[in-house]
Amino acid sequence: MSEKSISISKEQVIWLREMYETYRALLEGTPDDGNAAELKQVKKHVLPLIKELEKITK
């Protein structure tokens, strides 16, 4: 597998974190079984990526 590089700014990571927090709050605020499953997937896949990007851009 070939390595690829990306360019991301600290501001973009901050924006991504804010969007994640907004989306998480919306899902938690809506009592819906589909939202619970979606929230679980978002936390599992998106949050670790955001945390890695935050480490890189500090």
N, C-alpha and C. Protein backbone atom coordinates (compact mmCIF):
# COMPACT_ATOMS: atom_id res chain seq x y z
N MET A 1 0.85 -1.17 0.00
CA MET A 1 0.00 0.00 0.00
C MET A 1 0.90 1.23 0.00
N SER A 2 0.61 2.16 -0.86
CA SER A 2 1.42 3.38 -0.93
C SER A 2 0.94 4.39 0.10
N GLU A 3 1.91 5.11 0.64
CA GLU A 3 1.57 6.14 1.62
C GLU A 3 1.13 7.40 0.93
N LYS A 4 0.16 8.05 1.51
CA LYS A 4 -0.31 9.33 0.99
C LYS A 4 -0.18 10.36 2.10
N SER A 5 0.03 11.58 1.71
CA SER A 5 0.11 12.63 2.71
C SER A 5 -1.04 13.61 2.52
N ILE A 6 -1.42 14.22 3.62
CA ILE A 6 -2.46 15.24 3.57
C ILE A 6 -1.93 16.49 4.27
N SER A 7 -2.56 17.57 3.96
CA SER A 7 -2.21 18.83 4.62
C SER A 7 -3.46 19.31 5.35
N ILE A 8 -3.29 19.60 6.63
CA ILE A 8 -4.44 20.07 7.41
C ILE A 8 -3.94 21.10 8.41
N SER A 9 -4.71 22.15 8.57
CA SER A 9 -4.31 23.20 9.50
C SER A 9 -4.95 22.97 10.87
N LYS A 10 -4.39 23.62 11.86
CA LYS A 10 -4.95 23.53 13.21
C LYS A 10 -6.38 24.06 13.22
N GLU A 11 -6.64 25.11 12.45
CA GLU A 11 -7.99 25.68 12.38
C GLU A 11 -8.99 24.67 11.81
N GLN A 12 -8.56 23.91 10.81
CA GLN A 12 -9.44 22.90 10.23
C GLN A 12 -9.76 21.80 11.24
N VAL A 13 -8.78 21.42 12.04
CA VAL A 13 -9.00 20.40 13.05
C VAL A 13 -9.94 20.93 14.13
N ILE A 14 -9.78 22.18 14.51
CA ILE A 14 -10.68 22.80 15.49
C ILE A 14 -12.11 22.81 14.95
N TRP A 15 -12.27 23.18 13.69
CA TRP A 15 -13.59 23.19 13.05
C TRP A 15 -14.18 21.78 13.04
N LEU A 16 -13.36 20.79 12.69
CA LEU A 16 -13.82 19.41 12.65
C LEU A 16 -14.29 18.96 14.03
N ARG A 17 -13.57 19.31 15.06
CA ARG A 17 -13.93 18.97 16.44
C ARG A 17 -15.27 19.63 16.81
N GLU A 18 -15.44 20.90 16.43
CA GLU A 18 -16.70 21.60 16.72
C GLU A 18 -17.87 20.95 16.01
N MET A 19 -17.68 20.55 14.76
CA MET A 19 -18.74 19.89 14.00
C MET A 19 -19.08 18.54 14.64
N TYR A 20 -18.06 17.82 15.08
CA TYR A 20 -18.28 16.53 15.76
C TYR A 20 -19.11 16.74 17.03
N GLU A 21 -18.72 17.72 17.83
CA GLU A 21 -19.43 17.98 19.10
C GLU A 21 -20.88 18.39 18.84
N THR A 22 -21.12 19.19 17.81
CA THR A 22 -22.48 19.60 17.46
C THR A 22 -23.31 18.40 17.03
N TYR A 23 -22.73 17.57 16.17
CA TYR A 23 -23.43 16.39 15.66
C TYR A 23 -23.73 15.41 16.81
N ARG A 24 -22.74 15.22 17.69
CA ARG A 24 -22.92 14.33 18.84
C ARG A 24 -24.05 14.83 19.73
N ALA A 25 -24.08 16.13 19.98
CA ALA A 25 -25.13 16.71 20.82
C ALA A 25 -26.51 16.53 20.17
N LEU A 26 -26.58 16.71 18.87
CA LEU A 26 -27.85 16.51 18.17
C LEU A 26 -28.32 15.07 18.28
N LEU A 27 -27.41 14.13 18.08
CA LEU A 27 -27.79 12.71 18.17
C LEU A 27 -28.20 12.34 19.59
N GLU A 28 -27.49 12.85 20.58
CA GLU A 28 -27.83 12.53 21.97
C GLU A 28 -29.14 13.17 22.39
N GLY A 29 -29.49 14.29 21.78
CA GLY A 29 -30.70 15.01 22.16
C GLY A 29 -31.96 14.50 21.50
N THR A 30 -31.82 13.55 20.57
CA THR A 30 -32.97 13.02 19.85
C THR A 30 -33.17 11.55 20.21
N PRO A 31 -34.24 11.24 20.93
CA PRO A 31 -34.46 9.84 21.32
C PRO A 31 -34.91 9.00 20.12
N ASP A 32 -33.98 8.33 19.51
CA ASP A 32 -34.25 7.54 18.31
C ASP A 32 -33.24 6.40 18.27
N ASP A 33 -33.71 5.18 18.07
CA ASP A 33 -32.80 4.02 18.05
C ASP A 33 -31.76 4.14 16.94
N GLY A 34 -32.15 4.68 15.82
CA GLY A 34 -31.20 4.87 14.72
C GLY A 34 -30.09 5.83 15.10
N ASN A 35 -30.44 6.85 15.87
CA ASN A 35 -29.44 7.82 16.31
C ASN A 35 -28.43 7.19 17.26
N ALA A 36 -28.88 6.29 18.10
CA ALA A 36 -27.96 5.63 19.03
C ALA A 36 -26.91 4.83 18.27
N ALA A 37 -27.34 4.13 17.24
CA ALA A 37 -26.40 3.35 16.42
C ALA A 37 -25.46 4.27 15.66
N GLU A 38 -25.99 5.35 15.12
CA GLU A 38 -25.17 6.32 14.40
C GLU A 38 -24.15 6.95 15.33
N LEU A 39 -24.57 7.31 16.53
CA LEU A 39 -23.67 7.92 17.51
C LEU A 39 -22.53 6.96 17.86
N LYS A 40 -22.85 5.70 18.02
CA LYS A 40 -21.83 4.69 18.33
C LYS A 40 -20.79 4.62 17.21
N GLN A 41 -21.24 4.63 15.97
CA GLN A 41 -20.32 4.58 14.83
C GLN A 41 -19.47 5.84 14.73
N VAL A 42 -20.09 6.99 14.95
CA VAL A 42 -19.36 8.26 14.89
C VAL A 42 -18.28 8.28 15.97
N LYS A 43 -18.63 7.88 17.18
CA LYS A 43 -17.64 7.86 18.27
C LYS A 43 -16.52 6.87 17.97
N LYS A 44 -16.86 5.75 17.36
CA LYS A 44 -15.87 4.70 17.09
C LYS A 44 -14.90 5.11 15.99
N HIS A 45 -15.38 5.77 14.95
CA HIS A 45 -14.56 6.05 13.78
C HIS A 45 -14.07 7.48 13.67
N VAL A 46 -14.91 8.43 13.99
CA VAL A 46 -14.56 9.83 13.78
C VAL A 46 -13.73 10.40 14.93
N LEU A 47 -14.11 10.11 16.15
CA LEU A 47 -13.41 10.67 17.30
C LEU A 47 -11.93 10.29 17.34
N PRO A 48 -11.55 9.02 17.10
CA PRO A 48 -10.12 8.69 17.09
C PRO A 48 -9.35 9.46 16.01
N LEU A 49 -9.97 9.65 14.87
CA LEU A 49 -9.33 10.42 13.80
C LEU A 49 -9.10 11.86 14.23
N ILE A 50 -10.09 12.47 14.84
CA ILE A 50 -9.95 13.85 15.31
C ILE A 50 -8.84 13.94 16.35
N LYS A 51 -8.78 12.98 17.26
CA LYS A 51 -7.74 13.00 18.30
C LYS A 51 -6.35 12.89 17.68
N GLU A 52 -6.19 12.04 16.67
CA GLU A 52 -4.90 11.91 15.99
C GLU A 52 -4.52 13.21 15.30
N LEU A 53 -5.48 13.83 14.63
CA LEU A 53 -5.22 15.09 13.94
C LEU A 53 -4.86 16.19 14.93
N GLU A 54 -5.50 16.19 16.09
CA GLU A 54 -5.19 17.18 17.11
C GLU A 54 -3.74 17.03 17.59
N LYS A 55 -3.29 15.79 17.75
CA LYS A 55 -1.90 15.55 18.16
C LYS A 55 -0.92 16.08 17.12
N ILE A 56 -1.22 15.83 15.87
CA ILE A 56 -0.32 16.22 14.77
C ILE A 56 -0.24 17.73 14.63
N THR A 57 -1.35 18.42 14.83
CA THR A 57 -1.38 19.86 14.56
C THR A 57 -1.08 20.73 15.77
N LYS A 58 -0.76 20.16 16.92
CA LYS A 58 -0.46 20.97 18.11
C LYS A 58 0.88 21.63 17.99
